[in-house]
Amino acid sequence: MAVRRANPLWQIGKALLLLVALVILIGLGTWQVERLQWKEGLLADIAARTDAPAVPLSAIETMAASGGDIEYRVVTATGHYLNDKERHFLATYDGDPGYHIYTPLQLDDGRYVFVNRGFVPTEAKEPEKRKQGELTGEQTVTGLARAKLAGQPSGMPDNDLGKNIFFWKDLDTMASSVGLPKDKVLPFFIDAGKTPNPQGLPIGGVTIVDLPNSHLQYAVTWYGLAVALVAIVAISWWRKHHPDAPGQ
């Protein structure tokens, strides 16, 4: 009985497909390793920023104006809170629903910077429920600079200005909705630190630095699939060329 030989072109094509698949799997694993190194560097940079001494507001202004990265840099600012113009951003704290209180801080030169003073529970949304926390007189706040969002995030609902509920941090609308001129409002926020407020509200220090870092797991997965592919091909080749070996 004649032995049926495989088409050489088919064998070459199959080998090329396997090689391409192997290159893709190794490439994906290597890309994830590079992403891991980038993410670890970014996290280290953020940690260094949050641990650094506070800089004056003017330093952040200069950096922002030149297109520098101001995120999570410690900054200090002095002015008077305009408590009657606070804006409420829907948020949670330790699993409890509530709001972050964004209050304009009027600077000595007549400009404003919105400060995220911290979290209040839903029942304390309105200022009259936390009057002692409505600071008056000159105040100095130290916190983290946060960049202005470029636009409404995908899938995020529109802000409800009638109820003073913001679902995304639209700085321009926060300012215009309380009558502040756009050219007088600094183009970034300050997240206030953990300095306690009277009666404990708002709760400061609510900034969450949570950057997912699953690149190592992804790299292991892609490299593992590459190893599995090589193992399958090797086993197949062995069985084809050693049909009488034990276990066949």
C-alpha atoms as a PDB file:
ATOM      1  CA  MET A   1       0.000   0.000   0.000  1.00  0.00           C
ATOM      2  CA  ALA A   2       1.419   3.339  -1.069  1.00  0.00           C
ATOM      3  CA  VAL A   3       2.158   5.884   1.636  1.00  0.00           C
ATOM      4  CA  ARG A   4       0.282   9.148   1.120  1.00  0.00           C
ATOM      5  CA  ARG A   5       2.700  12.037   1.308  1.00  0.00           C
ATOM      6  CA  ALA A   6       1.640  15.465   2.511  1.00  0.00           C
ATOM      7  CA  ASN A   7       1.652  18.350   0.057  1.00  0.00           C
ATOM      8  CA  PRO A   8       4.987  20.171   0.521  1.00  0.00           C
ATOM      9  CA  LEU A   9       3.346  23.556  -0.033  1.00  0.00           C
ATOM     10  CA  TRP A  10       0.827  22.796   2.695  1.00  0.00           C
ATOM     11  CA  GLN A  11       3.633  21.786   5.058  1.00  0.00           C
ATOM     12  CA  ILE A  12       5.500  25.017   4.340  1.00  0.00           C
ATOM     13  CA  GLY A  13       2.343  27.096   4.760  1.00  0.00           C
ATOM     14  CA  LYS A  14       1.522  25.418   8.057  1.00  0.00           C
ATOM     15  CA  ALA A  15       5.055  25.989   9.321  1.00  0.00           C
ATOM     16  CA  LEU A  16       4.875  29.662   8.363  1.00  0.00           C
ATOM     17  CA  LEU A  17       1.539  30.085  10.137  1.00  0.00           C
ATOM     18  CA  LEU A  18       2.941  28.496  13.287  1.00  0.00           C
ATOM     19  CA  LEU A  19       6.014  30.721  13.088  1.00  0.00           C
ATOM     20  CA  VAL A  20       3.878  33.832  12.658  1.00  0.00           C
ATOM     21  CA  ALA A  21       1.714  32.815  15.604  1.00  0.00           C
ATOM     22  CA  LEU A  22       4.806  32.259  17.755  1.00  0.00           C
ATOM     23  CA  VAL A  23       6.275  35.644  16.781  1.00  0.00           C
ATOM     24  CA  ILE A  24       2.984  37.375  17.595  1.00  0.00           C
ATOM     25  CA  LEU A  25       2.721  35.705  21.014  1.00  0.00           C
ATOM     26  CA  ILE A  26       6.319  36.554  21.910  1.00  0.00           C
ATOM     27  CA  GLY A  27       5.813  40.104  20.613  1.00  0.00           C
ATOM     28  CA  LEU A  28       2.715  40.583  22.768  1.00  0.00           C
ATOM     29  CA  GLY A  29       4.562  39.282  25.818  1.00  0.00           C
ATOM     30  CA  THR A  30       7.504  41.593  25.183  1.00  0.00           C
ATOM     31  CA  TRP A  31       5.158  44.560  24.701  1.00  0.00           C
ATOM     32  CA  GLN A  32       3.563  43.838  28.078  1.00  0.00           C
ATOM     33  CA  VAL A  33       7.010  43.713  29.705  1.00  0.00           C
ATOM     34  CA  GLU A  34       7.745  47.139  28.227  1.00  0.00           C
ATOM     35  CA  ARG A  35       4.376  48.411  29.481  1.00  0.00           C
ATOM     36  CA  LEU A  36       5.187  46.992  32.918  1.00  0.00           C
ATOM     37  CA  GLN A  37       8.444  48.933  33.045  1.00  0.00           C
ATOM     38  CA  TRP A  38       6.635  52.104  31.925  1.00  0.00           C
ATOM     39  CA  LYS A  39       3.865  51.655  34.518  1.00  0.00           C
ATOM     40  CA  GLU A  40       6.317  50.998  37.351  1.00  0.00           C
ATOM     41  CA  GLY A  41       8.216  54.139  36.377  1.00  0.00           C
ATOM     42  CA  LEU A  42       4.983  56.144  36.334  1.00  0.00           C
ATOM     43  CA  LEU A  43       3.944  54.869  39.763  1.00  0.00           C
ATOM     44  CA  ALA A  44       7.382  55.658  41.164  1.00  0.00           C
ATOM     45  CA  ASP A  45       7.151  59.170  39.709  1.00  0.00           C
ATOM     46  CA  ILE A  46       3.712  59.744  41.262  1.00  0.00           C
ATOM     47  CA  ALA A  47       4.948  58.479  44.624  1.00  0.00           C
ATOM     48  CA  ALA A  48       7.898  60.881  44.435  1.00  0.00           C
ATOM     49  CA  ARG A  49       5.573  63.777  43.593  1.00  0.00           C
ATOM     50  CA  THR A  50       3.145  63.118  46.433  1.00  0.00           C
ATOM     51  CA  ASP A  51       6.034  62.843  48.919  1.00  0.00           C
ATOM     52  CA  ALA A  52       7.773  66.014  47.734  1.00  0.00           C
ATOM     53  CA  PRO A  53       7.560  69.342  49.618  1.00  0.00           C
ATOM     54  CA  ALA A  54       4.722  71.655  48.613  1.00  0.00           C
ATOM     55  CA  VAL A  55       5.402  74.264  45.945  1.00  0.00           C
ATOM     56  CA  PRO A  56       3.646  77.632  45.623  1.00  0.00           C
ATOM     57  CA  LEU A  57       0.660  77.990  43.331  1.00  0.00           C
ATOM     58  CA  SER A  58       2.704  80.093  40.907  1.00  0.00           C
ATOM     59  CA  ALA A  59       5.010  77.129  40.211  1.00  0.00           C
ATOM     60  CA  ILE A  60       2.052  74.971  39.154  1.00  0.00           C
ATOM     61  CA  GLU A  61       0.691  77.805  37.020  1.00  0.00           C
ATOM     62  CA  THR A  62       3.993  78.130  35.189  1.00  0.00           C
ATOM     63  CA  MET A  63       4.220  74.388  34.656  1.00  0.00           C
ATOM     64  CA  ALA A  64       0.635  74.154  33.390  1.00  0.00           C
ATOM     65  CA  ALA A  65       1.117  77.117  31.043  1.00  0.00           C
ATOM     66  CA  SER A  66       4.151  75.440  29.454  1.00  0.00           C
ATOM     67  CA  GLY A  67       2.303  72.161  28.978  1.00  0.00           C
ATOM     68  CA  GLY A  68       4.056  70.383  31.849  1.00  0.00           C
ATOM     69  CA  ASP A  69       2.558  67.504  33.794  1.00  0.00           C
ATOM     70  CA  ILE A  70       1.103  68.931  37.028  1.00  0.00           C
ATOM     71  CA  GLU A  71      -0.774  65.823  38.159  1.00  0.00           C
ATOM     72  CA  TYR A  72      -0.311  64.875  41.839  1.00  0.00           C
ATOM     73  CA  ARG A  73       2.215  67.629  42.566  1.00  0.00           C
ATOM     74  CA  VAL A  74       1.902  69.020  46.104  1.00  0.00           C
ATOM     75  CA  VAL A  75       0.873  72.677  46.048  1.00  0.00           C
ATOM     76  CA  THR A  76      -0.169  75.305  48.564  1.00  0.00           C
ATOM     77  CA  ALA A  77      -2.530  78.235  47.988  1.00  0.00           C
ATOM     78  CA  THR A  78      -3.978  81.008  50.159  1.00  0.00           C
ATOM     79  CA  GLY A  79      -7.260  82.844  49.726  1.00  0.00           C
ATOM     80  CA  HIS A  80     -10.903  83.033  50.796  1.00  0.00           C
ATOM     81  CA  TYR A  81     -13.417  80.262  50.123  1.00  0.00           C
ATOM     82  CA  LEU A  82     -16.592  81.286  48.295  1.00  0.00           C
ATOM     83  CA  ASN A  83     -18.761  78.827  50.171  1.00  0.00           C
ATOM     84  CA  ASP A  84     -21.967  79.967  48.479  1.00  0.00           C
ATOM     85  CA  LYS A  85     -20.557  78.839  45.118  1.00  0.00           C
ATOM     86  CA  GLU A  86     -19.522  75.282  45.970  1.00  0.00           C
ATOM     87  CA  ARG A  87     -20.179  72.539  43.438  1.00  0.00           C
ATOM     88  CA  HIS A  88     -21.029  68.926  44.268  1.00  0.00           C
ATOM     89  CA  PHE A  89     -19.353  65.987  42.516  1.00  0.00           C
ATOM     90  CA  LEU A  90     -20.975  62.566  42.954  1.00  0.00           C
ATOM     91  CA  ALA A  91     -18.551  60.215  44.731  1.00  0.00           C
ATOM     92  CA  THR A  92     -18.133  57.496  47.340  1.00  0.00           C
ATOM     93  CA  TYR A  93     -15.935  57.167  50.407  1.00  0.00           C
ATOM     94  CA  ASP A  94     -15.266  53.783  52.016  1.00  0.00           C
ATOM     95  CA  GLY A  95     -18.252  52.487  50.072  1.00  0.00           C
ATOM     96  CA  ASP A  96     -20.649  55.186  51.291  1.00  0.00           C
ATOM     97  CA  PRO A  97     -22.381  57.447  48.735  1.00  0.00           C
ATOM     98  CA  GLY A  98     -21.999  61.193  48.857  1.00  0.00           C
ATOM     99  CA  TYR A  99     -20.224  64.088  47.223  1.00  0.00           C
ATOM    100  CA  HIS A 100     -16.887  65.797  46.869  1.00  0.00           C
ATOM    101  CA  ILE A 101     -17.225  69.488  47.647  1.00  0.00           C
ATOM    102  CA  TYR A 102     -15.553  71.726  45.059  1.00  0.00           C
ATOM    103  CA  THR A 103     -15.283  75.273  46.367  1.00  0.00           C
ATOM    104  CA  PRO A 104     -13.713  78.263  44.591  1.00  0.00           C
ATOM    105  CA  LEU A 105     -10.811  79.754  46.517  1.00  0.00           C
ATOM    106  CA  GLN A 106     -10.503  83.456  45.720  1.00  0.00           C
ATOM    107  CA  LEU A 107      -6.867  84.509  45.579  1.00  0.00           C
ATOM    108  CA  ASP A 108      -5.503  87.895  46.579  1.00  0.00           C
ATOM    109  CA  ASP A 109      -5.125  88.917  42.930  1.00  0.00           C
ATOM    110  CA  GLY A 110      -8.826  88.325  42.230  1.00  0.00           C
ATOM    111  CA  ARG A 111      -8.435  85.009  40.433  1.00  0.00           C
ATOM    112  CA  TYR A 112      -9.899  81.683  41.543  1.00  0.00           C
ATOM    113  CA  VAL A 113      -8.889  78.059  41.897  1.00  0.00           C
ATOM    114  CA  PHE A 114     -11.422  75.308  42.565  1.00  0.00           C
ATOM    115  CA  VAL A 115     -10.499  73.212  45.594  1.00  0.00           C
ATOM    116  CA  ASN A 116     -11.837  69.721  46.176  1.00  0.00           C
ATOM    117  CA  ARG A 117     -12.233  70.117  49.923  1.00  0.00           C
ATOM    118  CA  GLY A 118     -13.209  66.477  50.383  1.00  0.00           C
ATOM    119  CA  PHE A 119     -16.123  64.124  50.909  1.00  0.00           C
ATOM    120  CA  VAL A 120     -19.468  64.603  52.609  1.00  0.00           C
ATOM    121  CA  PRO A 121     -22.173  61.913  52.901  1.00  0.00           C
ATOM    122  CA  THR A 122     -25.414  62.321  50.964  1.00  0.00           C
ATOM    123  CA  GLU A 123     -27.297  63.671  53.982  1.00  0.00           C
ATOM    124  CA  ALA A 124     -24.726  66.463  54.369  1.00  0.00           C
ATOM    125  CA  LYS A 125     -24.805  67.608  50.745  1.00  0.00           C
ATOM    126  CA  GLU A 126     -26.326  70.984  51.536  1.00  0.00           C
ATOM    127  CA  PRO A 127     -24.072  73.532  53.301  1.00  0.00           C
ATOM    128  CA  GLU A 128     -26.531  74.231  56.125  1.00  0.00           C
ATOM    129  CA  LYS A 129     -26.058  70.643  57.309  1.00  0.00           C
ATOM    130  CA  ARG A 130     -22.333  71.296  57.942  1.00  0.00           C
ATOM    131  CA  LYS A 131     -22.062  74.995  58.743  1.00  0.00           C
ATOM    132  CA  GLN A 132     -18.971  74.657  60.926  1.00  0.00           C
ATOM    133  CA  GLY A 133     -17.092  73.149  58.008  1.00  0.00           C
ATOM    134  CA  GLU A 134     -17.762  76.207  55.863  1.00  0.00           C
ATOM    135  CA  LEU A 135     -14.475  77.965  56.534  1.00  0.00           C
ATOM    136  CA  THR A 136     -14.405  81.767  56.507  1.00  0.00           C
ATOM    137  CA  GLY A 137     -11.571  84.281  56.559  1.00  0.00           C
ATOM    138  CA  GLU A 138      -8.205  83.751  54.936  1.00  0.00           C
ATOM    139  CA  GLN A 139      -7.372  80.074  54.493  1.00  0.00           C
ATOM    140  CA  THR A 140      -4.274  78.247  53.325  1.00  0.00           C
ATOM    141  CA  VAL A 141      -4.812  74.881  51.662  1.00  0.00           C
ATOM    142  CA  THR A 142      -2.182  72.288  50.821  1.00  0.00           C
ATOM    143  CA  GLY A 143      -3.081  69.497  48.452  1.00  0.00           C
ATOM    144  CA  LEU A 144      -2.450  67.834  45.110  1.00  0.00           C
ATOM    145  CA  ALA A 145      -2.729  69.618  41.780  1.00  0.00           C
ATOM    146  CA  ARG A 146      -5.119  67.901  39.375  1.00  0.00           C
ATOM    147  CA  ALA A 147      -5.300  68.668  35.681  1.00  0.00           C
ATOM    148  CA  LYS A 148      -8.416  69.929  33.980  1.00  0.00           C
ATOM    149  CA  LEU A 149     -10.213  67.286  31.900  1.00  0.00           C
ATOM    150  CA  ALA A 150     -10.061  67.818  28.149  1.00  0.00           C
ATOM    151  CA  GLY A 151     -13.690  66.805  27.681  1.00  0.00           C
ATOM    152  CA  GLN A 152     -16.562  64.661  28.857  1.00  0.00           C
ATOM    153  CA  PRO A 153     -15.443  61.036  29.353  1.00  0.00           C
ATOM    154  CA  SER A 154     -17.096  58.492  27.077  1.00  0.00           C
ATOM    155  CA  GLY A 155     -20.285  57.062  28.545  1.00  0.00           C
ATOM    156  CA  MET A 156     -20.435  59.625  31.362  1.00  0.00           C
ATOM    157  CA  PRO A 157     -23.867  61.282  31.839  1.00  0.00           C
ATOM    158  CA  ASP A 158     -24.319  65.018  31.549  1.00  0.00           C
ATOM    159  CA  ASN A 159     -23.943  67.064  34.702  1.00  0.00           C
ATOM    160  CA  ASP A 160     -27.196  68.098  36.414  1.00  0.00           C
ATOM    161  CA  LEU A 161     -26.750  71.818  37.006  1.00  0.00           C
ATOM    162  CA  GLY A 162     -30.271  72.232  38.338  1.00  0.00           C
ATOM    163  CA  LYS A 163     -29.546  69.895  41.246  1.00  0.00           C
ATOM    164  CA  ASN A 164     -25.885  70.901  41.491  1.00  0.00           C
ATOM    165  CA  ILE A 165     -24.709  67.352  40.836  1.00  0.00           C
ATOM    166  CA  PHE A 166     -21.632  66.812  38.700  1.00  0.00           C
ATOM    167  CA  PHE A 167     -20.887  63.373  37.257  1.00  0.00           C
ATOM    168  CA  TRP A 168     -17.632  64.508  35.680  1.00  0.00           C
ATOM    169  CA  LYS A 169     -15.298  67.340  36.635  1.00  0.00           C
ATOM    170  CA  ASP A 170     -16.158  69.994  34.066  1.00  0.00           C
ATOM    171  CA  LEU A 171     -14.124  72.942  35.342  1.00  0.00           C
ATOM    172  CA  ASP A 172     -15.485  75.456  32.833  1.00  0.00           C
ATOM    173  CA  THR A 173     -19.091  74.612  33.698  1.00  0.00           C
ATOM    174  CA  MET A 174     -18.357  74.631  37.423  1.00  0.00           C
ATOM    175  CA  ALA A 175     -17.066  78.178  37.016  1.00  0.00           C
ATOM    176  CA  SER A 176     -19.744  79.495  34.659  1.00  0.00           C
ATOM    177  CA  SER A 177     -22.588  77.975  36.694  1.00  0.00           C
ATOM    178  CA  VAL A 178     -21.644  80.188  39.658  1.00  0.00           C
ATOM    179  CA  GLY A 179     -20.863  83.277  37.605  1.00  0.00           C
ATOM    180  CA  LEU A 180     -17.075  83.163  37.658  1.00  0.00           C
ATOM    181  CA  PRO A 181     -15.374  84.525  34.518  1.00  0.00           C
ATOM    182  CA  LYS A 182     -13.480  81.802  32.668  1.00  0.00           C
ATOM    183  CA  ASP A 183     -10.345  83.919  32.251  1.00  0.00           C
ATOM    184  CA  LYS A 184     -10.103  84.393  36.021  1.00  0.00           C
ATOM    185  CA  VAL A 185     -10.257  80.684  36.901  1.00  0.00           C
ATOM    186  CA  LEU A 186      -7.002  78.722  36.988  1.00  0.00           C
ATOM    187  CA  PRO A 187      -7.074  75.750  34.574  1.00  0.00           C
ATOM    188  CA  PHE A 188      -6.609  73.045  37.217  1.00  0.00           C
ATOM    189  CA  PHE A 189      -7.990  71.840  40.552  1.00  0.00           C
ATOM    190  CA  ILE A 190      -6.468  71.314  43.967  1.00  0.00           C
ATOM    191  CA  ASP A 191      -7.411  68.208  45.943  1.00  0.00           C
ATOM    192  CA  ALA A 192      -7.122  69.289  49.582  1.00  0.00           C
ATOM    193  CA  GLY A 193      -5.019  67.168  51.916  1.00  0.00           C
ATOM    194  CA  LYS A 194      -6.047  65.404  55.115  1.00  0.00           C
ATOM    195  CA  THR A 195      -6.065  68.466  57.409  1.00  0.00           C
ATOM    196  CA  PRO A 196      -9.251  67.998  59.497  1.00  0.00           C
ATOM    197  CA  ASN A 197     -12.172  70.386  59.042  1.00  0.00           C
ATOM    198  CA  PRO A 198     -14.544  71.456  61.865  1.00  0.00           C
ATOM    199  CA  GLN A 199     -16.976  68.649  62.754  1.00  0.00           C
ATOM    200  CA  GLY A 200     -14.952  66.413  60.427  1.00  0.00           C
ATOM    201  CA  LEU A 201     -16.642  67.567  57.213  1.00  0.00           C
ATOM    202  CA  PRO A 202     -15.657  67.655  54.443  1.00  0.00           C
ATOM    203  CA  ILE A 203     -13.268  64.714  54.830  1.00  0.00           C
ATOM    204  CA  GLY A 204     -10.062  65.752  53.065  1.00  0.00           C
ATOM    205  CA  GLY A 205      -7.358  63.669  51.457  1.00  0.00           C
ATOM    206  CA  VAL A 206      -9.734  61.804  49.146  1.00  0.00           C
ATOM    207  CA  THR A 207      -7.419  61.595  46.135  1.00  0.00           C
ATOM    208  CA  ILE A 208      -7.115  58.016  44.925  1.00  0.00           C
ATOM    209  CA  VAL A 209      -4.054  57.053  42.901  1.00  0.00           C
ATOM    210  CA  ASP A 210      -5.256  53.793  41.419  1.00  0.00           C
ATOM    211  CA  LEU A 211      -3.496  52.881  38.202  1.00  0.00           C
ATOM    212  CA  PRO A 212      -4.132  49.258  37.201  1.00  0.00           C
ATOM    213  CA  ASN A 213      -0.893  47.323  36.793  1.00  0.00           C
ATOM    214  CA  SER A 214      -1.670  43.890  35.387  1.00  0.00           C
ATOM    215  CA  HIS A 215       1.044  43.894  32.757  1.00  0.00           C
ATOM    216  CA  LEU A 216       3.097  41.158  34.451  1.00  0.00           C
ATOM    217  CA  GLN A 217       0.128  38.773  34.406  1.00  0.00           C
ATOM    218  CA  TYR A 218      -0.517  39.588  30.752  1.00  0.00           C
ATOM    219  CA  ALA A 219       3.155  39.034  29.871  1.00  0.00           C
ATOM    220  CA  VAL A 220       3.169  35.661  31.630  1.00  0.00           C
ATOM    221  CA  THR A 221      -0.020  34.717  29.753  1.00  0.00           C
ATOM    222  CA  TRP A 222       1.372  35.560  26.301  1.00  0.00           C
ATOM    223  CA  TYR A 223       4.738  33.926  26.967  1.00  0.00           C
ATOM    224  CA  GLY A 224       2.943  30.912  28.414  1.00  0.00           C
ATOM    225  CA  LEU A 225       0.869  30.563  25.246  1.00  0.00           C
ATOM    226  CA  ALA A 226       4.070  30.765  23.206  1.00  0.00           C
ATOM    227  CA  VAL A 227       5.642  27.967  25.260  1.00  0.00           C
ATOM    228  CA  ALA A 228       2.451  25.903  24.934  1.00  0.00           C
ATOM    229  CA  LEU A 229       2.466  26.350  21.161  1.00  0.00           C
ATOM    230  CA  VAL A 230       6.090  25.194  20.930  1.00  0.00           C
ATOM    231  CA  ALA A 231       5.294  22.201  23.150  1.00  0.00           C
ATOM    232  CA  ILE A 232       2.299  21.179  21.024  1.00  0.00           C
ATOM    233  CA  VAL A 233       4.309  21.408  17.811  1.00  0.00           C
ATOM    234  CA  ALA A 234       7.191  19.446  19.348  1.00  0.00           C
ATOM    235  CA  ILE A 235       4.887  16.687  20.609  1.00  0.00           C
ATOM    236  CA  SER A 236       3.160  16.498  17.229  1.00  0.00           C
ATOM    237  CA  TRP A 237       6.483  16.250  15.422  1.00  0.00           C
ATOM    238  CA  TRP A 238       7.719  13.532  17.804  1.00  0.00           C
ATOM    239  CA  ARG A 239       4.627  11.415  17.378  1.00  0.00           C
ATOM    240  CA  LYS A 240       4.761  11.750  13.602  1.00  0.00           C
ATOM    241  CA  HIS A 241       8.394  10.663  13.399  1.00  0.00           C
ATOM    242  CA  HIS A 242       8.270   8.022  16.166  1.00  0.00           C
ATOM    243  CA  PRO A 243       4.971   6.212  15.654  1.00  0.00           C
ATOM    244  CA  ASP A 244       6.239   3.079  17.404  1.00  0.00           C
ATOM    245  CA  ALA A 245       7.473   4.852  20.548  1.00  0.00           C
ATOM    246  CA  PRO A 246       5.925   3.725  23.856  1.00  0.00           C
ATOM    247  CA  GLY A 247       2.668   5.493  24.614  1.00  0.00           C
ATOM    248  CA  GLN A 248       1.748   5.989  20.944  1.00  0.00           C
END
